[in-house]
PDB file of N, CA and C in Angstrom:
ATOM      1  N   UNK A   1      59.773  16.685  18.290  1.00  0.00           N
ATOM      2  CA  UNK A   1      59.602  15.041  18.312  1.00  0.00           C
ATOM      3  C   UNK A   1      60.551  14.450  19.143  1.00  0.00           C
ATOM      4  N   UNK A   2      60.287  13.670  19.829  1.00  0.00           N
ATOM      5  CA  UNK A   2      61.383  12.944  20.665  1.00  0.00           C
ATOM      6  C   UNK A   2      61.574  11.523  20.157  1.00  0.00           C
ATOM      7  N   UNK A   3      62.544  11.219  19.315  1.00  0.00           N
ATOM      8  CA  UNK A   3      62.976   9.949  18.768  1.00  0.00           C
ATOM      9  C   UNK A   3      62.956   8.736  19.744  1.00  0.00           C
ATOM     10  N   UNK A   4      63.103   9.103  21.140  1.00  0.00           N
ATOM     11  CA  UNK A   4      63.040   7.998  22.123  1.00  0.00           C
ATOM     12  C   UNK A   4      61.663   7.752  22.589  1.00  0.00           C
ATOM     13  N   UNK A   5      60.617   8.396  22.048  1.00  0.00           N
ATOM     14  CA  UNK A   5      59.368   8.214  22.455  1.00  0.00           C
ATOM     15  C   UNK A   5      58.845   7.181  21.177  1.00  0.00           C
ATOM     16  N   UNK A   6      58.518   5.891  21.604  1.00  0.00           N
ATOM     17  CA  UNK A   6      58.206   4.948  20.360  1.00  0.00           C
ATOM     18  C   UNK A   6      56.887   5.186  19.887  1.00  0.00           C
ATOM     19  N   UNK A   7      55.968   5.568  20.807  1.00  0.00           N
ATOM     20  CA  UNK A   7      54.558   5.863  20.363  1.00  0.00           C
ATOM     21  C   UNK A   7      54.408   6.923  19.356  1.00  0.00           C
ATOM     22  N   UNK A   8      55.240   7.948  19.725  1.00  0.00           N
ATOM     23  CA  UNK A   8      55.331   9.187  18.843  1.00  0.00           C
ATOM     24  C   UNK A   8      56.010   8.892  17.624  1.00  0.00           C
ATOM     25  N   UNK A   9      57.045   8.205  17.651  1.00  0.00           N
ATOM     26  CA  UNK A   9      57.738   7.878  16.279  1.00  0.00           C
ATOM     27  C   UNK A   9      56.924   7.019  15.446  1.00  0.00           C
ATOM     28  N   UNK A  10      56.136   6.141  16.145  1.00  0.00           N
ATOM     29  CA  UNK A  10      55.224   5.086  15.162  1.00  0.00           C
ATOM     30  C   UNK A  10      54.217   6.003  14.437  1.00  0.00           C
ATOM     31  N   UNK A  11      53.698   7.076  15.153  1.00  0.00           N
ATOM     32  CA  UNK A  11      52.715   7.995  14.587  1.00  0.00           C
ATOM     33  C   UNK A  11      53.221   8.712  13.349  1.00  0.00           C
ATOM     34  N   UNK A  12      54.461   9.234  13.559  1.00  0.00           N
ATOM     35  CA  UNK A  12      55.031  10.137  12.555  1.00  0.00           C
ATOM     36  C   UNK A  12      55.583   9.148  11.348  1.00  0.00           C
ATOM     37  N   UNK A  13      55.969   8.044  11.615  1.00  0.00           N
ATOM     38  CA  UNK A  13      56.373   7.172  10.615  1.00  0.00           C
ATOM     39  C   UNK A  13      55.224   6.810   9.846  1.00  0.00           C
ATOM     40  N   UNK A  14      54.006   6.685  10.338  1.00  0.00           N
ATOM     41  CA  UNK A  14      52.879   6.370   9.519  1.00  0.00           C
ATOM     42  C   UNK A  14      52.213   7.564   8.808  1.00  0.00           C
ATOM     43  N   UNK A  15      52.339   8.708   9.493  1.00  0.00           N
ATOM     44  CA  UNK A  15      51.753   9.890   8.914  1.00  0.00           C
ATOM     45  C   UNK A  15      52.550  10.631   7.825  1.00  0.00           C
ATOM     46  N   UNK A  16      53.965  10.925   8.346  1.00  0.00           N
ATOM     47  CA  UNK A  16      54.816  11.511   7.577  1.00  0.00           C
ATOM     48  C   UNK A  16      56.304  10.941   7.895  1.00  0.00           C
ATOM     49  N   UNK A  17      56.832   9.976   7.044  1.00  0.00           N
ATOM     50  CA  UNK A  17      58.027   9.352   7.295  1.00  0.00           C
ATOM     51  C   UNK A  17      59.136  10.400   7.037  1.00  0.00           C
ATOM     52  N   UNK A  18      59.011  11.505   6.316  1.00  0.00           N
ATOM     53  CA  UNK A  18      60.067  12.570   6.256  1.00  0.00           C
ATOM     54  C   UNK A  18      60.285  13.378   7.729  1.00  0.00           C
ATOM     55  N   UNK A  19      59.252  13.535   8.246  1.00  0.00           N
ATOM     56  CA  UNK A  19      59.323  14.136   9.534  1.00  0.00           C
ATOM     57  C   UNK A  19      59.989  13.332  10.531  1.00  0.00           C
ATOM     58  N   UNK A  20      59.547  12.038  10.463  1.00  0.00           N
ATOM     59  CA  UNK A  20      60.223  11.084  11.390  1.00  0.00           C
ATOM     60  C   UNK A  20      61.676  10.829  11.167  1.00  0.00           C
ATOM     61  N   UNK A  21      62.162  10.924  10.028  1.00  0.00           N
ATOM     62  CA  UNK A  21      63.612  10.801   9.537  1.00  0.00           C
ATOM     63  C   UNK A  21      64.344  11.841  10.058  1.00  0.00           C
ATOM     64  N   UNK A  22      63.624  13.303   9.654  1.00  0.00           N
ATOM     65  CA  UNK A  22      64.402  14.423  10.263  1.00  0.00           C
ATOM     66  C   UNK A  22      64.615  14.615  11.795  1.00  0.00           C
ATOM     67  N   UNK A  23      63.638  13.894  12.412  1.00  0.00           N
ATOM     68  CA  UNK A  23      63.701  13.836  13.931  1.00  0.00           C
ATOM     69  C   UNK A  23      64.841  12.872  14.276  1.00  0.00           C
ATOM     70  N   UNK A  24      64.953  11.731  13.646  1.00  0.00           N
ATOM     71  CA  UNK A  24      65.933  10.827  14.168  1.00  0.00           C
ATOM     72  C   UNK A  24      67.351  11.365  13.647  1.00  0.00           C
ATOM     73  N   UNK A  25      67.465  11.989  12.604  1.00  0.00           N
ATOM     74  CA  UNK A  25      68.795  12.392  12.150  1.00  0.00           C
ATOM     75  C   UNK A  25      69.375  13.678  12.838  1.00  0.00           C
ATOM     76  N   UNK A  26      68.465  14.380  13.548  1.00  0.00           N
ATOM     77  CA  UNK A  26      68.670  15.571  14.114  1.00  0.00           C
ATOM     78  C   UNK A  26      68.556  15.701  15.654  1.00  0.00           C
ATOM     79  N   UNK A  27      68.463  14.495  16.280  1.00  0.00           N
ATOM     80  CA  UNK A  27      68.115  14.296  17.516  1.00  0.00           C
ATOM     81  C   UNK A  27      69.542  14.746  18.490  1.00  0.00           C
ATOM     82  N   UNK A  28      69.306  15.488  19.566  1.00  0.00           N
ATOM     83  CA  UNK A  28      70.438  15.856  20.517  1.00  0.00           C
ATOM     84  C   UNK A  28      69.731  15.528  21.851  1.00  0.00           C
ATOM     85  N   UNK A  29      70.112  14.781  22.509  1.00  0.00           N
ATOM     86  CA  UNK A  29      69.579  14.340  23.968  1.00  0.00           C
ATOM     87  C   UNK A  29      69.787  15.587  24.847  1.00  0.00           C
ATOM     88  N   UNK A  30      70.501  16.442  24.832  1.00  0.00           N
ATOM     89  CA  UNK A  30      70.714  17.501  25.817  1.00  0.00           C
ATOM     90  C   UNK A  30      70.205  18.866  25.221  1.00  0.00           C
ATOM     91  N   UNK A  31      69.768  18.871  24.168  1.00  0.00           N
ATOM     92  CA  UNK A  31      69.476  20.157  23.575  1.00  0.00           C
ATOM     93  C   UNK A  31      68.226  19.975  22.765  1.00  0.00           C
ATOM     94  N   UNK A  32      67.590  21.280  22.474  1.00  0.00           N
ATOM     95  CA  UNK A  32      66.506  21.238  21.746  1.00  0.00           C
ATOM     96  C   UNK A  32      66.863  21.746  20.357  1.00  0.00           C
ATOM     97  N   UNK A  33      66.612  21.069  19.322  1.00  0.00           N
ATOM     98  CA  UNK A  33      66.906  21.216  18.130  1.00  0.00           C
ATOM     99  C   UNK A  33      65.785  21.800  17.183  1.00  0.00           C
ATOM    100  N   UNK A  34      66.186  22.965  16.507  1.00  0.00           N
ATOM    101  CA  UNK A  34      65.071  23.624  15.532  1.00  0.00           C
ATOM    102  C   UNK A  34      65.482  23.325  14.069  1.00  0.00           C
ATOM    103  N   UNK A  35      64.591  23.017  13.222  1.00  0.00           N
ATOM    104  CA  UNK A  35      64.907  23.007  11.853  1.00  0.00           C
ATOM    105  C   UNK A  35      63.934  23.937  11.197  1.00  0.00           C
ATOM    106  N   UNK A  36      64.521  24.913  10.381  1.00  0.00           N
ATOM    107  CA  UNK A  36      63.621  25.765   9.574  1.00  0.00           C
ATOM    108  C   UNK A  36      63.618  25.347   8.199  1.00  0.00           C
ATOM    109  N   UNK A  37      62.492  25.294   7.581  1.00  0.00           N
ATOM    110  CA  UNK A  37      62.435  24.678   6.220  1.00  0.00           C
ATOM    111  C   UNK A  37      61.424  25.605   5.485  1.00  0.00           C
ATOM    112  N   UNK A  38      61.688  25.814   4.296  1.00  0.00           N
ATOM    113  CA  UNK A  38      60.923  26.278   3.353  1.00  0.00           C
ATOM    114  C   UNK A  38      61.005  25.724   1.846  1.00  0.00           C
ATOM    115  N   UNK A  39      59.856  25.649   1.241  1.00  0.00           N
ATOM    116  CA  UNK A  39      60.035  25.134  -0.102  1.00  0.00           C
ATOM    117  C   UNK A  39      60.647  23.858  -0.327  1.00  0.00           C
ATOM    118  N   UNK A  40      60.558  22.806   0.802  1.00  0.00           N
ATOM    119  CA  UNK A  40      61.131  21.588   0.945  1.00  0.00           C
ATOM    120  C   UNK A  40      62.657  21.650   0.928  1.00  0.00           C
ATOM    121  N   UNK A  41      63.168  22.775   1.428  1.00  0.00           N
ATOM    122  CA  UNK A  41      64.576  22.781   1.708  1.00  0.00           C
ATOM    123  C   UNK A  41      64.796  23.298   3.129  1.00  0.00           C
ATOM    124  N   UNK A  42      65.708  22.754   3.865  1.00  0.00           N
ATOM    125  CA  UNK A  42      65.863  23.140   5.258  1.00  0.00           C
ATOM    126  C   UNK A  42      67.158  23.738   5.528  1.00  0.00           C
ATOM    127  N   UNK A  43      67.355  24.582   6.438  1.00  0.00           N
ATOM    128  CA  UNK A  43      68.664  25.292   6.764  1.00  0.00           C
ATOM    129  C   UNK A  43      69.286  24.322   7.825  1.00  0.00           C
ATOM    130  N   UNK A  44      70.407  24.419   8.233  1.00  0.00           N
ATOM    131  CA  UNK A  44      71.097  23.760   9.137  1.00  0.00           C
ATOM    132  C   UNK A  44      70.373  23.636  10.564  1.00  0.00           C
ATOM    133  N   UNK A  45      70.310  22.669  11.299  1.00  0.00           N
ATOM    134  CA  UNK A  45      69.725  22.726  12.530  1.00  0.00           C
ATOM    135  C   UNK A  45      70.347  23.743  13.484  1.00  0.00           C
ATOM    136  N   UNK A  46      69.696  24.371  14.255  1.00  0.00           N
ATOM    137  CA  UNK A  46      69.949  25.136  15.349  1.00  0.00           C
ATOM    138  C   UNK A  46      69.729  24.931  16.769  1.00  0.00           C
ATOM    139  N   UNK A  47      70.653  25.244  17.715  1.00  0.00           N
ATOM    140  CA  UNK A  47      70.228  24.677  19.056  1.00  0.00           C
ATOM    141  C   UNK A  47      70.087  25.851  19.948  1.00  0.00           C
ATOM    142  N   UNK A  48      70.184  27.113  19.518  1.00  0.00           N
ATOM    143  CA  UNK A  48      70.026  28.185  20.447  1.00  0.00           C
ATOM    144  C   UNK A  48      69.155  29.143  20.011  1.00  0.00           C
ATOM    145  N   UNK A  49      68.529  29.833  20.906  1.00  0.00           N
ATOM    146  CA  UNK A  49      67.426  30.833  20.536  1.00  0.00           C
ATOM    147  C   UNK A  49      67.838  32.004  19.631  1.00  0.00           C
ATOM    148  N   UNK A  50      69.049  32.271  19.808  1.00  0.00           N
ATOM    149  CA  UNK A  50      69.549  33.518  18.995  1.00  0.00           C
ATOM    150  C   UNK A  50      69.763  33.076  17.643  1.00  0.00           C
ATOM    151  N   UNK A  51      70.205  31.913  17.306  1.00  0.00           N
ATOM    152  CA  UNK A  51      70.293  31.450  15.925  1.00  0.00           C
ATOM    153  C   UNK A  51      69.086  31.246  15.336  1.00  0.00           C
ATOM    154  N   UNK A  52      68.010  30.520  16.069  1.00  0.00           N
ATOM    155  CA  UNK A  52      66.739  30.266  15.647  1.00  0.00           C
ATOM    156  C   UNK A  52      66.118  31.799  15.173  1.00  0.00           C
ATOM    157  N   UNK A  53      66.137  32.665  16.096  1.00  0.00           N
ATOM    158  CA  UNK A  53      65.582  34.072  15.848  1.00  0.00           C
ATOM    159  C   UNK A  53      66.266  34.510  14.522  1.00  0.00           C
ATOM    160  N   UNK A  54      67.610  34.562  14.304  1.00  0.00           N
ATOM    161  CA  UNK A  54      68.094  35.031  13.284  1.00  0.00           C
ATOM    162  C   UNK A  54      67.623  34.504  11.967  1.00  0.00           C
ATOM    163  N   UNK A  55      67.642  33.150  11.921  1.00  0.00           N
ATOM    164  CA  UNK A  55      66.930  32.413  10.753  1.00  0.00           C
ATOM    165  C   UNK A  55      65.601  32.908  10.440  1.00  0.00           C
ATOM    166  N   UNK A  56      64.781  33.086  11.501  1.00  0.00           N
ATOM    167  CA  UNK A  56      63.241  33.364  11.248  1.00  0.00           C
ATOM    168  C   UNK A  56      63.130  34.776  10.632  1.00  0.00           C
ATOM    169  N   UNK A  57      64.113  35.702  11.282  1.00  0.00           N
ATOM    170  CA  UNK A  57      63.991  37.165  10.768  1.00  0.00           C
ATOM    171  C   UNK A  57      64.737  37.447   9.632  1.00  0.00           C
ATOM    172  N   UNK A  58      65.312  36.461   9.165  1.00  0.00           N
ATOM    173  CA  UNK A  58      66.115  36.730   7.873  1.00  0.00           C
ATOM    174  C   UNK A  58      65.248  36.625   6.697  1.00  0.00           C
ATOM    175  N   UNK A  59      64.120  36.017   6.812  1.00  0.00           N
ATOM    176  CA  UNK A  59      63.228  35.936   5.523  1.00  0.00           C
ATOM    177  C   UNK A  59      63.734  34.878   4.616  1.00  0.00           C
ATOM    178  N   UNK A  60      65.063  34.499   4.844  1.00  0.00           N
ATOM    179  CA  UNK A  60      65.558  33.622   3.661  1.00  0.00           C
ATOM    180  C   UNK A  60      65.635  32.085   4.195  1.00  0.00           C
ATOM    181  N   UNK A  61      64.699  31.746   5.117  1.00  0.00           N
ATOM    182  CA  UNK A  61      64.639  30.447   5.723  1.00  0.00           C
ATOM    183  C   UNK A  61      64.253  29.564   4.550  1.00  0.00           C
TER     184      UNK A  61
END
């Protein structure tokens, strides 16, 4: 989700305000940010493929 895209943000604010808030609070203009969540709890945001892979493979996401 790109917080600078007003139309996209309006959509998410209407459909799921929590997703909208996550996008706004974890935005990095020069990086892709991944959030891995399970059972309504999220791990710290990661910005590199290796860290994302480690989270996904750990089974503890």
